[in-house]
């Protein structure tokens, strides 16, 4: 296991640039998730770390050693792909040990490593089965086990749960989290699913168009996004964005009035960025930051109400058809078509300027 550093990583395919000046430090034993929309460059970045892609410029350092020109097999990393890529004619035990046997490792050592991987992943009862006799989740555990037996410096996961149904994805997320706790290994995980990112990561790296938009702990990105893109990408349901204007500014507090929803101005704390009275901004409010009564209130018309048992979602519109999502605990008493006046927690509101940057 070792820390990993990327310095000035650029990658182009022909004349098309894909990665732009990526600088990133990943601590030894960290669980880092690359997240972003399709085409943002997250899988290309992972493949560059693994050696499957050669950077156009920049350095990849693992454990303080520059491995930029090393072959994938020389980097001490193991990769788990979306496709399980198991040998169908081999048993689970044979699949787990195949790479080690091909590398010339003695049979007794192979058996020890396979047994340990099977114990960690609870595959002991499946060692004599072939892939066709396994469920999707079991196959993915075998693919992960094949990486574990190599005892790599870092594990690289490229959307490993995309082929699984919703219930299996939840189970496998728990298995991968437990695996990280037991091994203490450096893990880098690529996904487009921000729920996976929030539940698995020590550190999230949000990518867009080949650039790092923001990096930090899941809670830090959730509570303190730097821009509209990160604010909208992290969180489910996504943050509400309301057109607004700055009414007045007093130090680090801006009074912001929404333009599509009736209600009083909201006191939004800024981070030192200068805001001007009359400036058009975007007000960000997460669905759970609406409160039933008291404080600043907005008026909207409920369109659809989803009753999910422990939580309810009210989808409402303002005067110009602008939409908001309101989360309520338990069963909502708001009927579809009703006009609602809902409180807002000002301390949880964010404001973004015309360029999408956080005030």
Protein backbone atom coordinates (compact mmCIF):
# COMPACT_ATOMS: atom_id res chain seq x y z
CA UNK A 1 0.00 0.00 0.00
CA UNK A 2 1.21 3.50 -0.77
CA UNK A 3 0.17 7.07 -1.35
CA UNK A 4 -0.55 8.12 -4.90
CA UNK A 5 0.14 11.48 -6.53
CA UNK A 6 -0.84 12.90 -9.90
CA UNK A 7 1.06 15.89 -11.22
CA UNK A 8 -0.07 17.89 -14.25
CA UNK A 9 -1.87 14.98 -15.92
CA UNK A 10 -3.11 15.82 -19.42
CA UNK A 11 -4.59 13.32 -21.84
CA UNK A 12 -5.68 13.80 -25.44
CA UNK A 13 -7.00 11.36 -27.98
CA UNK A 14 -5.66 12.78 -31.21
CA UNK A 15 -6.57 16.46 -31.19
CA UNK A 16 -9.36 15.97 -28.62
CA UNK A 17 -8.28 16.89 -25.06
CA UNK A 18 -9.88 14.70 -22.37
CA UNK A 19 -7.98 15.51 -19.15
CA UNK A 20 -6.69 18.97 -18.26
CA UNK A 21 -3.84 19.53 -15.78
CA UNK A 22 -5.00 17.10 -13.08
CA UNK A 23 -3.16 17.49 -9.77
CA UNK A 24 -4.27 15.15 -7.01
CA UNK A 25 -2.90 13.63 -3.79
CA UNK A 26 -4.36 10.36 -2.47
CA UNK A 27 -3.21 9.33 0.99
CA UNK A 28 -2.11 5.81 1.85
CA UNK A 29 -5.17 3.78 2.88
CA UNK A 30 -7.71 6.34 1.63
CA UNK A 31 -10.94 5.48 -0.17
CA UNK A 32 -11.25 8.05 -2.97
CA UNK A 33 -14.17 8.20 -5.38
CA UNK A 34 -14.05 9.87 -8.80
CA UNK A 35 -17.56 11.02 -9.63
CA UNK A 36 -19.09 12.99 -12.45
CA UNK A 37 -21.40 12.75 -15.47
CA UNK A 38 -20.72 10.46 -18.42
CA UNK A 39 -17.83 11.70 -20.53
CA UNK A 40 -16.20 13.77 -17.77
CA UNK A 41 -12.94 11.77 -17.91
CA UNK A 42 -13.15 9.79 -14.68
CA UNK A 43 -12.55 6.35 -16.27
CA UNK A 44 -9.76 7.78 -18.46
CA UNK A 45 -8.10 9.16 -15.33
CA UNK A 46 -8.36 5.77 -13.61
CA UNK A 47 -6.93 4.00 -16.65
CA UNK A 48 -4.07 6.51 -16.69
CA UNK A 49 -3.27 5.63 -13.08
CA UNK A 50 -3.36 1.92 -13.91
CA UNK A 51 -1.12 2.30 -16.97
CA UNK A 52 -3.78 1.23 -19.47
CA UNK A 53 -3.64 4.76 -20.88
CA UNK A 54 -0.48 6.81 -21.33
CA UNK A 55 -0.77 10.48 -20.30
CA UNK A 56 0.01 13.09 -22.92
CA UNK A 57 1.81 15.03 -20.19
CA UNK A 58 2.35 14.76 -16.45
CA UNK A 59 3.48 12.23 -13.87
CA UNK A 60 1.94 9.34 -11.92
CA UNK A 61 3.71 8.61 -8.63
CA UNK A 62 2.93 5.60 -6.42
CA UNK A 63 4.74 5.33 -3.11
CA UNK A 64 7.00 8.21 -4.13
CA UNK A 65 8.15 6.38 -7.27
CA UNK A 66 7.49 7.81 -10.73
CA UNK A 67 5.64 5.00 -12.54
CA UNK A 68 4.50 7.05 -15.54
CA UNK A 69 6.45 4.88 -17.97
CA UNK A 70 5.85 1.57 -16.17
CA UNK A 71 3.70 -1.19 -17.65
CA UNK A 72 0.44 -1.89 -15.78
CA UNK A 73 1.87 -5.11 -14.33
CA UNK A 74 4.80 -3.19 -12.81
CA UNK A 75 2.77 -0.56 -10.95
CA UNK A 76 1.53 -2.71 -8.08
CA UNK A 77 -2.14 -1.92 -8.68
CA UNK A 78 -5.10 -4.21 -9.29
CA UNK A 79 -8.14 -3.19 -11.32
CA UNK A 80 -11.74 -4.38 -11.03
CA UNK A 81 -13.89 -3.64 -14.07
CA UNK A 82 -17.61 -3.31 -14.70
CA UNK A 83 -17.40 -6.62 -16.58
CA UNK A 84 -16.53 -9.55 -14.32
CA UNK A 85 -14.33 -11.16 -17.03
CA UNK A 86 -14.26 -14.56 -15.30
CA UNK A 87 -13.11 -17.70 -17.09
CA UNK A 88 -16.34 -19.70 -17.58
CA UNK A 89 -14.64 -23.13 -17.66
CA UNK A 90 -12.81 -22.57 -14.34
CA UNK A 91 -14.12 -22.90 -10.81
CA UNK A 92 -14.14 -19.94 -8.43
CA UNK A 93 -10.97 -21.27 -6.80
CA UNK A 94 -9.23 -21.59 -10.16
CA UNK A 95 -10.34 -18.10 -11.22
CA UNK A 96 -9.01 -16.60 -8.00
CA UNK A 97 -5.59 -18.19 -8.33
CA UNK A 98 -5.13 -18.06 -12.11
CA UNK A 99 -3.03 -14.88 -12.26
CA UNK A 100 -0.75 -16.08 -9.47
CA UNK A 101 -0.23 -19.47 -11.12
CA UNK A 102 0.62 -17.79 -14.44
CA UNK A 103 3.15 -15.65 -12.57
CA UNK A 104 4.94 -18.78 -11.37
CA UNK A 105 3.94 -18.64 -7.71
CA UNK A 106 4.24 -22.01 -5.92
CA UNK A 107 0.96 -23.88 -5.49
CA UNK A 108 1.04 -23.83 -1.69
CA UNK A 109 1.41 -20.03 -1.65
CA UNK A 110 -1.40 -19.66 -4.20
CA UNK A 111 -3.64 -21.83 -2.00
CA UNK A 112 -2.95 -19.65 1.06
CA UNK A 113 -3.78 -16.41 -0.78
CA UNK A 114 -6.91 -17.86 -2.38
CA UNK A 115 -8.13 -19.15 0.99
CA UNK A 116 -7.59 -15.74 2.60
CA UNK A 117 -9.43 -13.91 -0.20
CA UNK A 118 -12.29 -16.43 0.01
CA UNK A 119 -12.53 -15.85 3.77
CA UNK A 120 -12.62 -12.06 3.41
CA UNK A 121 -15.29 -12.18 0.70
CA UNK A 122 -17.24 -15.12 2.17
CA UNK A 123 -16.67 -17.27 -0.90
CA UNK A 124 -15.60 -20.42 0.98
CA UNK A 125 -18.76 -22.35 0.10
CA UNK A 126 -18.56 -21.35 -3.57
CA UNK A 127 -14.99 -22.35 -4.43
CA UNK A 128 -16.04 -25.42 -6.44
CA UNK A 129 -18.70 -23.62 -8.48
CA UNK A 130 -18.29 -22.20 -11.95
CA UNK A 131 -19.34 -18.65 -12.90
CA UNK A 132 -22.62 -19.76 -14.52
CA UNK A 133 -23.70 -21.11 -11.11
CA UNK A 134 -23.19 -17.75 -9.39
CA UNK A 135 -25.38 -14.66 -8.98
CA UNK A 136 -24.21 -11.28 -10.27
CA UNK A 137 -23.10 -10.20 -6.81
CA UNK A 138 -21.16 -13.42 -6.28
CA UNK A 139 -19.41 -13.02 -9.62
CA UNK A 140 -18.39 -9.49 -8.72
CA UNK A 141 -16.99 -10.73 -5.40
CA UNK A 142 -14.89 -13.27 -7.31
CA UNK A 143 -13.60 -10.47 -9.56
CA UNK A 144 -12.67 -8.46 -6.46
CA UNK A 145 -11.06 -11.56 -4.91
CA UNK A 146 -8.89 -11.95 -7.98
CA UNK A 147 -7.54 -8.47 -7.21
CA UNK A 148 -7.10 -9.18 -3.48
CA UNK A 149 -4.87 -12.23 -4.02
CA UNK A 150 -2.34 -10.03 -5.81
CA UNK A 151 -1.88 -7.97 -2.61
CA UNK A 152 -1.57 -4.72 -4.60
CA UNK A 153 -0.52 -1.28 -3.40
CA UNK A 154 -3.87 0.12 -4.56
CA UNK A 155 -7.22 -1.18 -5.79
CA UNK A 156 -8.82 0.54 -8.79
CA UNK A 157 -12.57 0.04 -9.30
CA UNK A 158 -14.15 1.12 -12.61
CA UNK A 159 -17.94 1.26 -12.04
CA UNK A 160 -17.96 -2.30 -10.64
CA UNK A 161 -21.63 -2.30 -9.62
CA UNK A 162 -23.23 -0.97 -12.81
CA UNK A 163 -24.35 -4.44 -13.95
CA UNK A 164 -26.18 -5.23 -10.71
CA UNK A 165 -29.78 -4.52 -9.78
CA UNK A 166 -30.62 -1.94 -7.11
CA UNK A 167 -30.74 -4.33 -4.14
CA UNK A 168 -27.48 -6.04 -5.07
CA UNK A 169 -25.78 -2.66 -5.52
CA UNK A 170 -26.66 -1.75 -1.94
CA UNK A 171 -25.34 -5.10 -0.67
CA UNK A 172 -22.11 -4.80 -2.66
CA UNK A 173 -21.54 -1.22 -1.46
CA UNK A 174 -21.60 -2.58 2.08
CA UNK A 175 -19.24 -5.43 1.10
CA UNK A 176 -16.74 -3.03 -0.50
CA UNK A 177 -16.87 -0.70 2.52
CA UNK A 178 -16.20 -3.67 4.85
CA UNK A 179 -13.38 -4.80 2.57
CA UNK A 180 -11.71 -1.40 2.85
CA UNK A 181 -12.01 -1.46 6.63
CA UNK A 182 -10.46 -4.94 6.84
CA UNK A 183 -7.63 -4.45 4.35
CA UNK A 184 -6.88 -0.79 5.04
CA UNK A 185 -5.80 -0.56 1.40
CA UNK A 186 -5.76 2.48 -0.86
CA UNK A 187 -8.85 2.30 -3.06
CA UNK A 188 -9.86 4.48 -6.01
CA UNK A 189 -13.41 4.02 -7.20
CA UNK A 190 -15.09 5.43 -10.32
CA UNK A 191 -18.84 5.91 -10.50
CA UNK A 192 -21.46 8.22 -11.99
CA UNK A 193 -23.73 7.45 -9.02
CA UNK A 194 -23.33 10.17 -6.39
CA UNK A 195 -25.10 7.97 -3.79
CA UNK A 196 -22.25 5.44 -4.11
CA UNK A 197 -19.78 8.29 -3.79
CA UNK A 198 -21.41 9.67 -0.63
CA UNK A 199 -21.68 6.28 1.10
CA UNK A 200 -18.24 4.85 0.25
CA UNK A 201 -15.73 7.68 0.06
CA UNK A 202 -13.34 9.25 2.52
CA UNK A 203 -12.71 11.78 -0.22
CA UNK A 204 -14.74 12.62 -3.32
CA UNK A 205 -13.21 14.10 -6.47
CA UNK A 206 -15.89 15.74 -8.65
CA UNK A 207 -14.93 15.88 -12.32
CA UNK A 208 -16.47 17.81 -15.19
CA UNK A 209 -15.14 18.02 -18.76
CA UNK A 210 -11.76 16.61 -17.73
CA UNK A 211 -11.17 19.02 -14.86
CA UNK A 212 -11.47 18.71 -11.09
CA UNK A 213 -14.35 20.91 -9.97
CA UNK A 214 -13.92 20.22 -6.26
CA UNK A 215 -12.49 17.62 -3.91
CA UNK A 216 -13.09 16.93 -0.25
CA UNK A 217 -15.01 14.79 2.22
CA UNK A 218 -18.59 13.81 1.26
CA UNK A 219 -20.10 16.03 3.96
CA UNK A 220 -17.89 18.99 3.04
CA UNK A 221 -18.97 18.80 -0.61
CA UNK A 222 -22.60 18.39 0.43
CA UNK A 223 -22.62 21.33 2.85
CA UNK A 224 -20.10 23.62 1.13
CA UNK A 225 -20.12 23.19 -2.66
CA UNK A 226 -17.92 25.68 -4.51
CA UNK A 227 -20.23 26.09 -7.48
CA UNK A 228 -23.61 25.30 -8.99
CA UNK A 229 -22.37 22.14 -10.71
CA UNK A 230 -21.13 20.49 -7.51
CA UNK A 231 -24.18 21.68 -5.57
CA UNK A 232 -26.51 20.14 -8.13
CA UNK A 233 -24.55 16.93 -8.62
CA UNK A 234 -24.04 16.00 -4.96
CA UNK A 235 -27.28 15.17 -3.18
CA UNK A 236 -30.43 13.19 -4.00
CA UNK A 237 -32.94 14.63 -4.65
CA UNK A 238 -30.83 17.42 -6.10
CA UNK A 239 -30.66 20.91 -4.65
CA UNK A 240 -33.39 23.36 -5.62
CA UNK A 241 -32.13 26.34 -7.62
CA UNK A 242 -34.28 29.48 -7.48
CA UNK A 243 -33.79 32.68 -9.48
CA UNK A 244 -33.28 35.57 -7.07
CA UNK A 245 -31.91 39.08 -6.60
CA UNK A 246 -29.76 40.59 -3.86
CA UNK A 247 -31.81 43.14 -1.92
CA UNK A 248 -29.08 44.36 0.43
CA UNK A 249 -25.69 43.39 1.82
CA UNK A 250 -24.43 43.71 5.38
CA UNK A 251 -20.93 42.31 5.86
CA UNK A 252 -21.00 38.59 5.09
CA UNK A 253 -24.81 38.45 4.96
CA UNK A 254 -26.81 39.08 1.80
CA UNK A 255 -30.58 39.53 1.85
CA UNK A 256 -31.83 37.59 -1.16
CA UNK A 257 -35.34 37.77 -2.63
CA UNK A 258 -36.63 34.99 -4.90
CA UNK A 259 -38.26 36.18 -8.14
CA UNK A 260 -40.44 33.12 -8.91
CA UNK A 261 -41.86 32.44 -5.44
CA UNK A 262 -43.74 34.84 -3.19
CA UNK A 263 -42.19 35.34 0.23
CA UNK A 264 -39.90 37.48 2.30
CA UNK A 265 -36.19 37.98 1.66
CA UNK A 266 -33.80 35.31 2.97
CA UNK A 267 -30.62 36.15 4.89
CA UNK A 268 -27.84 34.14 3.22
CA UNK A 269 -24.33 34.06 4.67
CA UNK A 270 -21.61 34.51 2.05
CA UNK A 271 -17.98 33.39 2.16
CA UNK A 272 -16.47 36.83 1.73
CA UNK A 273 -17.24 37.22 -1.96
CA UNK A 274 -18.59 40.68 -2.67
CA UNK A 275 -22.28 40.78 -3.54
CA UNK A 276 -23.99 43.90 -4.85
CA UNK A 277 -27.56 45.03 -4.24
CA UNK A 278 -29.63 44.38 -7.36
CA UNK A 279 -27.33 41.56 -8.53
CA UNK A 280 -29.04 38.51 -10.03
CA UNK A 281 -28.09 35.32 -8.20
CA UNK A 282 -29.21 31.72 -7.88
CA UNK A 283 -30.49 30.66 -4.47
CA UNK A 284 -29.75 27.04 -3.52
CA UNK A 285 -32.01 25.20 -1.04
CA UNK A 286 -31.86 21.46 -0.45
CA UNK A 287 -35.25 19.69 -0.20
CA UNK A 288 -34.69 18.77 3.48
CA UNK A 289 -33.99 22.40 4.44
CA UNK A 290 -37.61 23.46 4.15
CA UNK A 291 -39.34 23.59 7.53
CA UNK A 292 -43.04 23.30 8.29
CA UNK A 293 -43.55 26.54 10.14
CA UNK A 294 -41.85 29.70 11.32
CA UNK A 295 -38.99 31.69 9.88
CA UNK A 296 -38.78 32.86 6.31
CA UNK A 297 -41.56 31.42 4.14
CA UNK A 298 -42.07 30.79 0.43
CA UNK A 299 -45.43 30.26 -1.25
CA UNK A 300 -45.88 27.64 -4.00
CA UNK A 301 -48.53 25.37 -5.50
CA UNK A 302 -48.21 21.61 -4.90
CA UNK A 303 -48.38 19.58 -8.12
CA UNK A 304 -47.50 16.02 -7.09
CA UNK A 305 -47.00 14.48 -3.64
CA UNK A 306 -44.98 11.27 -3.23
CA UNK A 307 -45.71 9.40 -0.01
CA UNK A 308 -42.78 7.04 0.63
CA UNK A 309 -43.56 6.11 4.23
CA UNK A 310 -40.70 7.49 6.28
CA UNK A 311 -40.38 10.55 4.04
CA UNK A 312 -42.55 12.46 1.56
CA UNK A 313 -41.66 14.65 -1.41
CA UNK A 314 -43.85 17.53 -2.52
CA UNK A 315 -43.17 18.75 -6.07
CA UNK A 316 -44.40 22.33 -6.32
CA UNK A 317 -44.26 25.28 -8.72
CA UNK A 318 -44.00 29.04 -8.37
CA UNK A 319 -45.67 31.87 -10.26
CA UNK A 320 -43.64 31.40 -13.46
CA UNK A 321 -43.68 27.61 -13.46
CA UNK A 322 -40.36 27.37 -11.59
CA UNK A 323 -40.11 24.05 -9.76
CA UNK A 324 -39.05 23.09 -6.25
CA UNK A 325 -38.90 19.81 -4.34
CA UNK A 326 -39.87 19.87 -0.66
CA UNK A 327 -38.93 16.98 1.63
CA UNK A 328 -41.09 16.27 4.67
CA UNK A 329 -40.66 13.67 7.38
CA UNK A 330 -43.29 10.95 7.54
CA UNK A 331 -46.60 11.39 5.76
CA UNK A 332 -47.28 14.73 4.09
CA UNK A 333 -50.67 16.35 4.73
CA UNK A 334 -50.36 18.60 1.67
CA UNK A 335 -52.82 17.65 -1.10
CA UNK A 336 -51.98 18.03 -4.78
CA UNK A 337 -53.19 21.39 -6.11
CA UNK A 338 -53.02 23.15 -2.75
CA UNK A 339 -51.18 26.40 -2.18
CA UNK A 340 -48.51 25.88 0.45
CA UNK A 341 -46.49 28.30 2.54
CA UNK A 342 -43.34 26.56 3.59
CA UNK A 343 -40.62 27.80 5.91
CA UNK A 344 -36.94 27.99 4.91
CA UNK A 345 -33.87 27.48 7.09
CA UNK A 346 -31.73 30.53 6.12
CA UNK A 347 -28.58 29.04 7.64
CA UNK A 348 -28.72 26.19 5.10
CA UNK A 349 -29.29 28.38 2.03
CA UNK A 350 -26.53 29.07 -0.48
CA UNK A 351 -26.21 31.74 -3.16
CA UNK A 352 -24.33 31.56 -6.47
CA UNK A 353 -23.37 34.39 -8.81
CA UNK A 354 -24.06 34.64 -12.55
CA UNK A 355 -20.95 32.56 -13.30
CA UNK A 356 -22.18 29.76 -11.03
CA UNK A 357 -19.63 30.40 -8.28
CA UNK A 358 -20.59 30.35 -4.62
CA UNK A 359 -20.96 33.77 -3.01
